């Protein structure tokens, strides 16, 4: 009995240490890697601030674009935070187009499936980048008050603004860490503070950065207590974030209703068609069916627009 107790105790300890080892390898180390931002990783590899800045700009596809429309599209893609490759976009477009065309062909569509497939492929890529952009901007907005607090503490202990920004680049994870690191590098290489902050806003697209740009720009021109200005700005951003969460909670029921009412006709059609495939067979030849479908889709779109305006507020 004593030997079995010892064996059970050893098995228990082995299982405990094994679980801890798995946690250390797959959870703790991954969490530590997430703390280090992309700029610090490149800084360890290149050991040259100018090379790091050039590599980050190349990864993000930042360049000088003369055409205003192309410049706006380039800034929009830069705000996604992901490396944009023309080759990868072309391959994704080709793969999605081929898949959609194959599905349309199964349903008996002819040449009309080709433009439809191309349109859906382009729309899917645009929606993917739009999703990445909105997620990154939201993450940046959550981290920005903490970054401003770090700058405030640095300024209050006597650090210059550039050194306080560099402190944010060392202490904060992405996306704030890398973006403020590029801001510190641009200021260190001779760019004035206002222009560097404008570049930061164009790279990120988060509206709260406009308050930071105006506050620092006014302080640079007229003087004043930068620490107190940024402290009030941080408090303002936190209050706006609290209000945004309250509005999101109050409008959750409306958004759920909008999604349910929008999806219900399509779900009902597919369920009925799956249970009884011949249920709609007698009406497809009626000439009024096609205009009725287009009218229903138009009314559904108008209803979605109205419900969207009801549950989304400007503040």
C-alpha atoms as a PDB file:
ATOM      1  CA  UNK A   1       0.000   0.000   0.000  1.00  0.00           C
ATOM      2  CA  UNK A   2       2.862   2.311   0.776  1.00  0.00           C
ATOM      3  CA  UNK A   3       4.496   1.532  -2.560  1.00  0.00           C
ATOM      4  CA  UNK A   4       1.253   2.334  -4.408  1.00  0.00           C
ATOM      5  CA  UNK A   5       0.975   5.650  -2.565  1.00  0.00           C
ATOM      6  CA  UNK A   6       4.504   6.563  -3.589  1.00  0.00           C
ATOM      7  CA  UNK A   7       3.769   5.611  -7.202  1.00  0.00           C
ATOM      8  CA  UNK A   8       0.547   7.664  -7.205  1.00  0.00           C
ATOM      9  CA  UNK A   9       2.403  10.634  -5.715  1.00  0.00           C
ATOM     10  CA  UNK A  10       5.143  10.378  -8.346  1.00  0.00           C
ATOM     11  CA  UNK A  11       2.575  10.137 -11.149  1.00  0.00           C
ATOM     12  CA  UNK A  12       0.750  13.161  -9.758  1.00  0.00           C
ATOM     13  CA  UNK A  13       3.972  15.179  -9.605  1.00  0.00           C
ATOM     14  CA  UNK A  14       4.954  14.095 -13.123  1.00  0.00           C
ATOM     15  CA  UNK A  15       1.554  15.123 -14.478  1.00  0.00           C
ATOM     16  CA  UNK A  16       1.749  18.448 -12.637  1.00  0.00           C
ATOM     17  CA  UNK A  17       5.221  19.262 -13.934  1.00  0.00           C
ATOM     18  CA  UNK A  18       4.206  18.141 -17.427  1.00  0.00           C
ATOM     19  CA  UNK A  19       1.191  20.454 -17.431  1.00  0.00           C
ATOM     20  CA  UNK A  20       3.358  23.315 -16.159  1.00  0.00           C
ATOM     21  CA  UNK A  21       5.919  22.626 -18.896  1.00  0.00           C
ATOM     22  CA  UNK A  22       3.205  22.694 -21.561  1.00  0.00           C
ATOM     23  CA  UNK A  23       1.887  25.956 -20.129  1.00  0.00           C
ATOM     24  CA  UNK A  24       5.383  27.461 -20.168  1.00  0.00           C
ATOM     25  CA  UNK A  25       6.052  26.438 -23.767  1.00  0.00           C
ATOM     26  CA  UNK A  26       2.709  27.182 -25.386  1.00  0.00           C
ATOM     27  CA  UNK A  27       1.197  29.974 -23.257  1.00  0.00           C
ATOM     28  CA  UNK A  28       3.778  31.887 -21.242  1.00  0.00           C
ATOM     29  CA  UNK A  29       6.411  32.099 -23.993  1.00  0.00           C
ATOM     30  CA  UNK A  30       3.783  33.128 -26.542  1.00  0.00           C
ATOM     31  CA  UNK A  31       2.565  35.850 -24.179  1.00  0.00           C
ATOM     32  CA  UNK A  32       6.128  37.086 -23.764  1.00  0.00           C
ATOM     33  CA  UNK A  33       6.596  37.178 -27.530  1.00  0.00           C
ATOM     34  CA  UNK A  34       3.433  39.222 -27.913  1.00  0.00           C
ATOM     35  CA  UNK A  35       4.793  41.887 -25.561  1.00  0.00           C
ATOM     36  CA  UNK A  36       7.741  42.553 -27.867  1.00  0.00           C
ATOM     37  CA  UNK A  37       6.622  44.721 -30.761  1.00  0.00           C
ATOM     38  CA  UNK A  38       7.765  44.435 -34.347  1.00  0.00           C
ATOM     39  CA  UNK A  39      10.100  47.426 -34.168  1.00  0.00           C
ATOM     40  CA  UNK A  40      12.060  45.949 -31.252  1.00  0.00           C
ATOM     41  CA  UNK A  41      12.409  42.652 -33.122  1.00  0.00           C
ATOM     42  CA  UNK A  42      13.840  44.456 -36.157  1.00  0.00           C
ATOM     43  CA  UNK A  43      16.057  46.549 -33.892  1.00  0.00           C
ATOM     44  CA  UNK A  44      17.602  43.368 -32.490  1.00  0.00           C
ATOM     45  CA  UNK A  45      18.253  42.058 -35.979  1.00  0.00           C
ATOM     46  CA  UNK A  46      19.477  45.179 -37.776  1.00  0.00           C
ATOM     47  CA  UNK A  47      21.053  47.261 -34.971  1.00  0.00           C
ATOM     48  CA  UNK A  48      20.533  50.411 -37.022  1.00  0.00           C
ATOM     49  CA  UNK A  49      17.699  52.881 -36.410  1.00  0.00           C
ATOM     50  CA  UNK A  50      17.574  54.139 -40.006  1.00  0.00           C
ATOM     51  CA  UNK A  51      17.534  50.575 -41.378  1.00  0.00           C
ATOM     52  CA  UNK A  52      14.754  49.636 -38.945  1.00  0.00           C
ATOM     53  CA  UNK A  53      12.652  52.616 -40.030  1.00  0.00           C
ATOM     54  CA  UNK A  54      13.241  51.809 -43.705  1.00  0.00           C
ATOM     55  CA  UNK A  55      12.306  48.147 -43.150  1.00  0.00           C
ATOM     56  CA  UNK A  56       9.100  49.084 -41.332  1.00  0.00           C
ATOM     57  CA  UNK A  57       8.103  51.517 -44.059  1.00  0.00           C
ATOM     58  CA  UNK A  58       8.796  48.902 -46.727  1.00  0.00           C
ATOM     59  CA  UNK A  59       6.769  46.241 -44.884  1.00  0.00           C
ATOM     60  CA  UNK A  60       3.796  48.576 -44.576  1.00  0.00           C
ATOM     61  CA  UNK A  61       4.013  49.712 -48.196  1.00  0.00           C
ATOM     62  CA  UNK A  62       4.559  53.353 -47.266  1.00  0.00           C
ATOM     63  CA  UNK A  63       5.801  55.404 -50.190  1.00  0.00           C
ATOM     64  CA  UNK A  64       5.407  58.725 -51.968  1.00  0.00           C
ATOM     65  CA  UNK A  65       2.267  58.680 -54.132  1.00  0.00           C
ATOM     66  CA  UNK A  66       1.470  61.720 -56.243  1.00  0.00           C
ATOM     67  CA  UNK A  67      -2.095  60.934 -57.281  1.00  0.00           C
ATOM     68  CA  UNK A  68      -4.550  61.998 -54.516  1.00  0.00           C
ATOM     69  CA  UNK A  69      -6.879  59.038 -55.090  1.00  0.00           C
ATOM     70  CA  UNK A  70      -4.033  56.518 -55.102  1.00  0.00           C
ATOM     71  CA  UNK A  71      -2.510  58.234 -52.054  1.00  0.00           C
ATOM     72  CA  UNK A  72      -5.768  57.834 -50.147  1.00  0.00           C
ATOM     73  CA  UNK A  73      -5.993  54.158 -51.116  1.00  0.00           C
ATOM     74  CA  UNK A  74      -2.357  53.632 -50.109  1.00  0.00           C
ATOM     75  CA  UNK A  75      -2.953  55.230 -46.707  1.00  0.00           C
ATOM     76  CA  UNK A  76      -6.072  53.080 -46.250  1.00  0.00           C
ATOM     77  CA  UNK A  77      -4.048  49.920 -46.916  1.00  0.00           C
ATOM     78  CA  UNK A  78      -1.266  51.155 -44.622  1.00  0.00           C
ATOM     79  CA  UNK A  79      -3.788  51.538 -41.797  1.00  0.00           C
ATOM     80  CA  UNK A  80      -4.539  47.805 -41.964  1.00  0.00           C
ATOM     81  CA  UNK A  81      -1.111  47.191 -40.408  1.00  0.00           C
ATOM     82  CA  UNK A  82      -0.511  44.112 -42.536  1.00  0.00           C
ATOM     83  CA  UNK A  83       2.181  43.770 -45.214  1.00  0.00           C
ATOM     84  CA  UNK A  84       0.404  44.286 -48.532  1.00  0.00           C
ATOM     85  CA  UNK A  85       1.814  42.266 -51.426  1.00  0.00           C
ATOM     86  CA  UNK A  86       0.441  42.660 -54.933  1.00  0.00           C
ATOM     87  CA  UNK A  87       1.315  39.025 -55.657  1.00  0.00           C
ATOM     88  CA  UNK A  88      -0.626  37.718 -52.651  1.00  0.00           C
ATOM     89  CA  UNK A  89      -3.624  39.907 -53.482  1.00  0.00           C
ATOM     90  CA  UNK A  90      -3.609  38.634 -57.077  1.00  0.00           C
ATOM     91  CA  UNK A  91      -3.406  35.001 -55.930  1.00  0.00           C
ATOM     92  CA  UNK A  92      -6.245  35.522 -53.433  1.00  0.00           C
ATOM     93  CA  UNK A  93      -8.352  37.218 -56.116  1.00  0.00           C
ATOM     94  CA  UNK A  94      -7.727  34.338 -58.549  1.00  0.00           C
ATOM     95  CA  UNK A  95      -8.497  31.656 -55.946  1.00  0.00           C
ATOM     96  CA  UNK A  96     -11.731  33.288 -54.760  1.00  0.00           C
ATOM     97  CA  UNK A  97     -12.870  33.989 -58.336  1.00  0.00           C
ATOM     98  CA  UNK A  98     -12.245  30.379 -59.350  1.00  0.00           C
ATOM     99  CA  UNK A  99     -14.122  29.029 -56.322  1.00  0.00           C
ATOM    100  CA  UNK A 100     -17.139  31.300 -56.813  1.00  0.00           C
ATOM    101  CA  UNK A 101     -17.234  30.545 -60.562  1.00  0.00           C
ATOM    102  CA  UNK A 102     -17.168  26.797 -59.827  1.00  0.00           C
ATOM    103  CA  UNK A 103     -20.060  27.130 -57.359  1.00  0.00           C
ATOM    104  CA  UNK A 104     -22.059  29.228 -59.842  1.00  0.00           C
ATOM    105  CA  UNK A 105     -21.452  26.643 -62.542  1.00  0.00           C
ATOM    106  CA  UNK A 106     -22.921  23.951 -60.289  1.00  0.00           C
ATOM    107  CA  UNK A 107     -26.128  26.009 -60.133  1.00  0.00           C
ATOM    108  CA  UNK A 108     -26.291  26.187 -63.932  1.00  0.00           C
ATOM    109  CA  UNK A 109     -25.068  29.754 -64.463  1.00  0.00           C
ATOM    110  CA  UNK A 110     -23.181  30.377 -67.681  1.00  0.00           C
ATOM    111  CA  UNK A 111     -20.913  33.249 -68.649  1.00  0.00           C
ATOM    112  CA  UNK A 112     -22.714  35.510 -66.167  1.00  0.00           C
ATOM    113  CA  UNK A 113     -20.847  33.739 -63.383  1.00  0.00           C
ATOM    114  CA  UNK A 114     -17.483  35.205 -64.476  1.00  0.00           C
ATOM    115  CA  UNK A 115     -18.185  38.897 -63.702  1.00  0.00           C
ATOM    116  CA  UNK A 116     -20.107  37.858 -60.587  1.00  0.00           C
ATOM    117  CA  UNK A 117     -17.132  35.805 -59.386  1.00  0.00           C
ATOM    118  CA  UNK A 118     -14.712  38.672 -60.056  1.00  0.00           C
ATOM    119  CA  UNK A 119     -16.955  41.128 -58.210  1.00  0.00           C
ATOM    120  CA  UNK A 120     -17.354  38.847 -55.187  1.00  0.00           C
ATOM    121  CA  UNK A 121     -13.602  38.168 -55.083  1.00  0.00           C
ATOM    122  CA  UNK A 122     -12.763  41.887 -55.128  1.00  0.00           C
ATOM    123  CA  UNK A 123     -15.462  42.561 -52.508  1.00  0.00           C
ATOM    124  CA  UNK A 124     -14.109  39.797 -50.256  1.00  0.00           C
ATOM    125  CA  UNK A 125     -10.572  41.209 -50.374  1.00  0.00           C
ATOM    126  CA  UNK A 126     -11.796  44.739 -49.648  1.00  0.00           C
ATOM    127  CA  UNK A 127     -13.947  43.527 -46.738  1.00  0.00           C
ATOM    128  CA  UNK A 128     -11.008  41.545 -45.344  1.00  0.00           C
ATOM    129  CA  UNK A 129      -8.740  44.598 -45.325  1.00  0.00           C
ATOM    130  CA  UNK A 130     -11.555  46.756 -43.938  1.00  0.00           C
ATOM    131  CA  UNK A 131     -11.985  44.278 -41.081  1.00  0.00           C
ATOM    132  CA  UNK A 132      -8.243  44.253 -40.372  1.00  0.00           C
ATOM    133  CA  UNK A 133      -8.170  48.055 -40.435  1.00  0.00           C
ATOM    134  CA  UNK A 134     -11.105  48.456 -38.029  1.00  0.00           C
ATOM    135  CA  UNK A 135      -9.651  45.884 -35.618  1.00  0.00           C
ATOM    136  CA  UNK A 136      -6.249  47.577 -35.617  1.00  0.00           C
ATOM    137  CA  UNK A 137      -7.732  51.049 -35.096  1.00  0.00           C
ATOM    138  CA  UNK A 138      -9.845  49.749 -32.205  1.00  0.00           C
ATOM    139  CA  UNK A 139      -6.798  48.098 -30.619  1.00  0.00           C
ATOM    140  CA  UNK A 140      -4.794  51.297 -31.051  1.00  0.00           C
ATOM    141  CA  UNK A 141      -7.599  53.322 -29.462  1.00  0.00           C
ATOM    142  CA  UNK A 142      -7.593  51.014 -26.424  1.00  0.00           C
ATOM    143  CA  UNK A 143      -3.814  51.399 -25.979  1.00  0.00           C
ATOM    144  CA  UNK A 144      -3.531  55.122 -26.733  1.00  0.00           C
ATOM    145  CA  UNK A 145      -4.540  56.456 -23.242  1.00  0.00           C
ATOM    146  CA  UNK A 146      -1.901  54.218 -21.626  1.00  0.00           C
ATOM    147  CA  UNK A 147       0.704  55.455 -24.114  1.00  0.00           C
ATOM    148  CA  UNK A 148      -0.178  59.080 -23.335  1.00  0.00           C
ATOM    149  CA  UNK A 149       0.099  58.347 -19.599  1.00  0.00           C
ATOM    150  CA  UNK A 150       3.626  57.022 -20.169  1.00  0.00           C
ATOM    151  CA  UNK A 151       4.501  60.219 -22.040  1.00  0.00           C
ATOM    152  CA  UNK A 152       3.014  62.298 -19.208  1.00  0.00           C
ATOM    153  CA  UNK A 153       5.099  60.501 -16.576  1.00  0.00           C
ATOM    154  CA  UNK A 154       8.210  60.890 -18.696  1.00  0.00           C
ATOM    155  CA  UNK A 155       7.639  64.607 -19.266  1.00  0.00           C
ATOM    156  CA  UNK A 156       6.934  65.230 -15.585  1.00  0.00           C
ATOM    157  CA  UNK A 157      10.247  63.682 -14.521  1.00  0.00           C
ATOM    158  CA  UNK A 158      12.143  65.892 -16.966  1.00  0.00           C
ATOM    159  CA  UNK A 159      12.420  63.832 -20.156  1.00  0.00           C
ATOM    160  CA  UNK A 160      11.994  65.648 -23.486  1.00  0.00           C
ATOM    161  CA  UNK A 161       8.996  64.746 -25.610  1.00  0.00           C
ATOM    162  CA  UNK A 162      11.024  62.624 -28.042  1.00  0.00           C
ATOM    163  CA  UNK A 163      12.552  60.542 -25.246  1.00  0.00           C
ATOM    164  CA  UNK A 164       9.116  60.024 -23.697  1.00  0.00           C
ATOM    165  CA  UNK A 165       7.797  58.816 -27.057  1.00  0.00           C
ATOM    166  CA  UNK A 166      10.780  56.452 -27.353  1.00  0.00           C
ATOM    167  CA  UNK A 167       9.866  55.128 -23.901  1.00  0.00           C
ATOM    168  CA  UNK A 168       6.400  54.267 -25.211  1.00  0.00           C
ATOM    169  CA  UNK A 169       8.023  52.451 -28.140  1.00  0.00           C
ATOM    170  CA  UNK A 170      10.044  50.302 -25.731  1.00  0.00           C
ATOM    171  CA  UNK A 171       7.290  49.562 -23.213  1.00  0.00           C
ATOM    172  CA  UNK A 172       4.109  49.151 -25.267  1.00  0.00           C
ATOM    173  CA  UNK A 173       3.130  46.244 -27.550  1.00  0.00           C
ATOM    174  CA  UNK A 174       1.904  46.595 -31.107  1.00  0.00           C
ATOM    175  CA  UNK A 175       0.305  48.492 -32.681  1.00  0.00           C
ATOM    176  CA  UNK A 176       1.158  51.433 -30.398  1.00  0.00           C
ATOM    177  CA  UNK A 177       4.757  50.328 -29.789  1.00  0.00           C
ATOM    178  CA  UNK A 178       5.804  50.167 -33.432  1.00  0.00           C
ATOM    179  CA  UNK A 179       3.895  53.287 -34.491  1.00  0.00           C
ATOM    180  CA  UNK A 180       5.321  55.450 -31.706  1.00  0.00           C
ATOM    181  CA  UNK A 181       8.747  53.977 -32.432  1.00  0.00           C
ATOM    182  CA  UNK A 182       8.473  55.183 -36.027  1.00  0.00           C
ATOM    183  CA  UNK A 183       7.317  58.544 -34.660  1.00  0.00           C
ATOM    184  CA  UNK A 184      10.393  58.780 -32.415  1.00  0.00           C
ATOM    185  CA  UNK A 185      12.700  57.758 -35.283  1.00  0.00           C
ATOM    186  CA  UNK A 186      11.248  60.366 -37.641  1.00  0.00           C
ATOM    187  CA  UNK A 187      11.654  63.121 -35.026  1.00  0.00           C
ATOM    188  CA  UNK A 188      15.180  61.908 -34.254  1.00  0.00           C
ATOM    189  CA  UNK A 189      16.127  62.044 -37.943  1.00  0.00           C
ATOM    190  CA  UNK A 190      15.159  65.721 -38.174  1.00  0.00           C
ATOM    191  CA  UNK A 191      11.450  65.817 -38.955  1.00  0.00           C
ATOM    192  CA  UNK A 192       9.506  68.413 -36.970  1.00  0.00           C
ATOM    193  CA  UNK A 193       7.084  67.169 -34.331  1.00  0.00           C
ATOM    194  CA  UNK A 194       3.887  68.356 -36.044  1.00  0.00           C
ATOM    195  CA  UNK A 195       4.749  66.693 -39.366  1.00  0.00           C
ATOM    196  CA  UNK A 196       5.781  63.463 -37.626  1.00  0.00           C
ATOM    197  CA  UNK A 197       2.456  63.389 -35.732  1.00  0.00           C
ATOM    198  CA  UNK A 198       0.585  63.999 -39.002  1.00  0.00           C
ATOM    199  CA  UNK A 199       2.424  61.019 -40.504  1.00  0.00           C
ATOM    200  CA  UNK A 200       1.446  58.962 -37.465  1.00  0.00           C
ATOM    201  CA  UNK A 201      -2.213  59.852 -37.971  1.00  0.00           C
ATOM    202  CA  UNK A 202      -2.067  58.918 -41.672  1.00  0.00           C
ATOM    203  CA  UNK A 203      -0.454  55.566 -40.817  1.00  0.00           C
ATOM    204  CA  UNK A 204      -3.026  54.687 -38.156  1.00  0.00           C
ATOM    205  CA  UNK A 205      -6.232  56.578 -38.977  1.00  0.00           C
ATOM    206  CA  UNK A 206      -7.462  56.662 -35.371  1.00  0.00           C
ATOM    207  CA  UNK A 207      -9.468  59.885 -34.752  1.00  0.00           C
ATOM    208  CA  UNK A 208      -8.080  60.334 -31.228  1.00  0.00           C
ATOM    209  CA  UNK A 209      -4.660  61.047 -32.697  1.00  0.00           C
ATOM    210  CA  UNK A 210      -6.016  64.343 -34.033  1.00  0.00           C
ATOM    211  CA  UNK A 211      -6.422  65.544 -30.425  1.00  0.00           C
ATOM    212  CA  UNK A 212      -2.830  64.521 -29.685  1.00  0.00           C
ATOM    213  CA  UNK A 213      -1.534  66.264 -32.819  1.00  0.00           C
ATOM    214  CA  UNK A 214      -3.385  69.504 -32.054  1.00  0.00           C
ATOM    215  CA  UNK A 215      -2.405  69.470 -28.359  1.00  0.00           C
ATOM    216  CA  UNK A 216       1.298  68.894 -28.986  1.00  0.00           C
ATOM    217  CA  UNK A 217       1.326  71.296 -31.951  1.00  0.00           C
ATOM    218  CA  UNK A 218      -0.184  74.124 -29.904  1.00  0.00           C
ATOM    219  CA  UNK A 219       2.189  73.443 -27.020  1.00  0.00           C
ATOM    220  CA  UNK A 220       5.206  73.511 -29.355  1.00  0.00           C
ATOM    221  CA  UNK A 221       4.132  76.858 -30.833  1.00  0.00           C
ATOM    222  CA  UNK A 222       2.851  78.667 -27.748  1.00  0.00           C
ATOM    223  CA  UNK A 223       4.397  76.800 -24.811  1.00  0.00           C
ATOM    224  CA  UNK A 224       2.647  75.533 -21.713  1.00  0.00           C
ATOM    225  CA  UNK A 225       2.591  72.570 -19.388  1.00  0.00           C
ATOM    226  CA  UNK A 226       2.712  69.620 -21.768  1.00  0.00           C
ATOM    227  CA  UNK A 227       2.274  67.101 -18.960  1.00  0.00           C
ATOM    228  CA  UNK A 228      -0.964  68.704 -17.774  1.00  0.00           C
ATOM    229  CA  UNK A 229      -2.289  69.012 -21.346  1.00  0.00           C
ATOM    230  CA  UNK A 230      -1.648  65.365 -22.137  1.00  0.00           C
ATOM    231  CA  UNK A 231      -3.008  64.253 -18.766  1.00  0.00           C
ATOM    232  CA  UNK A 232      -6.324  65.968 -19.525  1.00  0.00           C
ATOM    233  CA  UNK A 233      -6.279  64.469 -23.016  1.00  0.00           C
ATOM    234  CA  UNK A 234      -5.793  60.962 -21.618  1.00  0.00           C
ATOM    235  CA  UNK A 235      -8.709  61.465 -19.230  1.00  0.00           C
ATOM    236  CA  UNK A 236     -10.864  62.720 -22.119  1.00  0.00           C
ATOM    237  CA  UNK A 237     -10.053  59.629 -24.209  1.00  0.00           C
ATOM    238  CA  UNK A 238     -10.901  57.291 -21.354  1.00  0.00           C
ATOM    239  CA  UNK A 239     -14.244  59.042 -20.832  1.00  0.00           C
ATOM    240  CA  UNK A 240     -14.995  58.752 -24.567  1.00  0.00           C
ATOM    241  CA  UNK A 241     -14.150  55.037 -24.452  1.00  0.00           C
ATOM    242  CA  UNK A 242     -16.493  54.568 -21.483  1.00  0.00           C
ATOM    243  CA  UNK A 243     -19.283  56.378 -23.319  1.00  0.00           C
ATOM    244  CA  UNK A 244     -18.657  54.255 -26.425  1.00  0.00           C
ATOM    245  CA  UNK A 245     -19.022  51.051 -24.406  1.00  0.00           C
ATOM    246  CA  UNK A 246     -22.240  52.309 -22.781  1.00  0.00           C
ATOM    247  CA  UNK A 247     -23.714  53.164 -26.184  1.00  0.00           C
ATOM    248  CA  UNK A 248     -22.680  49.776 -27.532  1.00  0.00           C
ATOM    249  CA  UNK A 249     -24.380  48.019 -24.617  1.00  0.00           C
ATOM    250  CA  UNK A 250     -27.603  50.043 -24.972  1.00  0.00           C
ATOM    251  CA  UNK A 251     -27.796  49.436 -28.736  1.00  0.00           C
ATOM    252  CA  UNK A 252     -26.944  45.706 -28.577  1.00  0.00           C
ATOM    253  CA  UNK A 253     -30.607  44.674 -28.789  1.00  0.00           C
ATOM    254  CA  UNK A 254     -31.157  46.802 -31.892  1.00  0.00           C
ATOM    255  CA  UNK A 255     -28.105  45.341 -33.622  1.00  0.00           C
ATOM    256  CA  UNK A 256     -29.196  41.790 -32.790  1.00  0.00           C
ATOM    257  CA  UNK A 257     -32.671  42.527 -34.171  1.00  0.00           C
ATOM    258  CA  UNK A 258     -31.183  43.954 -37.361  1.00  0.00           C
ATOM    259  CA  UNK A 259     -29.043  40.860 -37.937  1.00  0.00           C
ATOM    260  CA  UNK A 260     -31.937  38.502 -37.212  1.00  0.00           C
ATOM    261  CA  UNK A 261     -34.431  40.307 -39.455  1.00  0.00           C
ATOM    262  CA  UNK A 262     -31.882  40.547 -42.278  1.00  0.00           C
ATOM    263  CA  UNK A 263     -30.877  36.886 -42.189  1.00  0.00           C
ATOM    264  CA  UNK A 264     -34.327  35.394 -41.570  1.00  0.00           C
ATOM    265  CA  UNK A 265     -35.675  35.532 -45.190  1.00  0.00           C
ATOM    266  CA  UNK A 266     -32.560  33.833 -46.594  1.00  0.00           C
ATOM    267  CA  UNK A 267     -32.459  31.215 -43.839  1.00  0.00           C
ATOM    268  CA  UNK A 268     -36.167  30.484 -44.315  1.00  0.00           C
ATOM    269  CA  UNK A 269     -35.752  30.136 -48.087  1.00  0.00           C
ATOM    270  CA  UNK A 270     -32.860  27.663 -47.787  1.00  0.00           C
ATOM    271  CA  UNK A 271     -34.589  25.621 -45.055  1.00  0.00           C
ATOM    272  CA  UNK A 272     -37.833  25.303 -47.025  1.00  0.00           C
ATOM    273  CA  UNK A 273     -35.913  24.521 -50.211  1.00  0.00           C
ATOM    274  CA  UNK A 274     -33.921  21.851 -48.369  1.00  0.00           C
ATOM    275  CA  UNK A 275     -36.985  20.199 -46.800  1.00  0.00           C
ATOM    276  CA  UNK A 276     -39.122  20.391 -49.936  1.00  0.00           C
ATOM    277  CA  UNK A 277     -37.079  21.098 -53.112  1.00  0.00           C
ATOM    278  CA  UNK A 278     -40.238  21.302 -55.257  1.00  0.00           C
ATOM    279  CA  UNK A 279     -42.017  23.822 -53.006  1.00  0.00           C
ATOM    280  CA  UNK A 280     -41.010  26.855 -55.121  1.00  0.00           C
ATOM    281  CA  UNK A 281     -40.890  24.970 -58.414  1.00  0.00           C
ATOM    282  CA  UNK A 282     -44.306  26.111 -59.690  1.00  0.00           C
ATOM    283  CA  UNK A 283     -43.687  29.850 -59.301  1.00  0.00           C
ATOM    284  CA  UNK A 284     -40.245  30.282 -60.895  1.00  0.00           C
ATOM    285  CA  UNK A 285     -41.793  30.551 -64.371  1.00  0.00           C
ATOM    286  CA  UNK A 286     -44.109  33.386 -63.306  1.00  0.00           C
ATOM    287  CA  UNK A 287     -42.901  36.698 -64.852  1.00  0.00           C
ATOM    288  CA  UNK A 288     -43.589  38.644 -61.662  1.00  0.00           C
ATOM    289  CA  UNK A 289     -41.164  36.571 -59.560  1.00  0.00           C
ATOM    290  CA  UNK A 290     -37.962  38.274 -60.695  1.00  0.00           C
ATOM    291  CA  UNK A 291     -39.206  41.885 -60.159  1.00  0.00           C
ATOM    292  CA  UNK A 292     -40.618  40.827 -56.783  1.00  0.00           C
ATOM    293  CA  UNK A 293     -37.234  39.433 -55.716  1.00  0.00           C
ATOM    294  CA  UNK A 294     -35.446  42.634 -56.747  1.00  0.00           C
ATOM    295  CA  UNK A 295     -38.057  44.739 -54.932  1.00  0.00           C
ATOM    296  CA  UNK A 296     -37.691  42.621 -51.793  1.00  0.00           C
ATOM    297  CA  UNK A 297     -33.905  42.932 -51.835  1.00  0.00           C
ATOM    298  CA  UNK A 298     -34.213  46.704 -52.307  1.00  0.00           C
ATOM    299  CA  UNK A 299     -36.620  47.020 -49.369  1.00  0.00           C
ATOM    300  CA  UNK A 300     -34.347  44.796 -47.267  1.00  0.00           C
ATOM    301  CA  UNK A 301     -31.395  47.059 -48.083  1.00  0.00           C
ATOM    302  CA  UNK A 302     -33.371  50.198 -47.170  1.00  0.00           C
ATOM    303  CA  UNK A 303     -34.466  48.595 -43.903  1.00  0.00           C
ATOM    304  CA  UNK A 304     -30.865  47.671 -43.072  1.00  0.00           C
ATOM    305  CA  UNK A 305     -29.737  51.247 -43.715  1.00  0.00           C
ATOM    306  CA  UNK A 306     -32.468  52.610 -41.425  1.00  0.00           C
ATOM    307  CA  UNK A 307     -31.674  50.117 -38.660  1.00  0.00           C
ATOM    308  CA  UNK A 308     -27.956  50.863 -39.011  1.00  0.00           C
ATOM    309  CA  UNK A 309     -28.627  54.567 -38.547  1.00  0.00           C
ATOM    310  CA  UNK A 310     -30.789  53.815 -35.505  1.00  0.00           C
ATOM    311  CA  UNK A 311     -28.143  51.832 -33.608  1.00  0.00           C
ATOM    312  CA  UNK A 312     -24.954  53.704 -34.627  1.00  0.00           C
ATOM    313  CA  UNK A 313     -24.345  57.111 -33.063  1.00  0.00           C
ATOM    314  CA  UNK A 314     -21.837  59.860 -33.693  1.00  0.00           C
ATOM    315  CA  UNK A 315     -20.186  61.065 -30.491  1.00  0.00           C
END
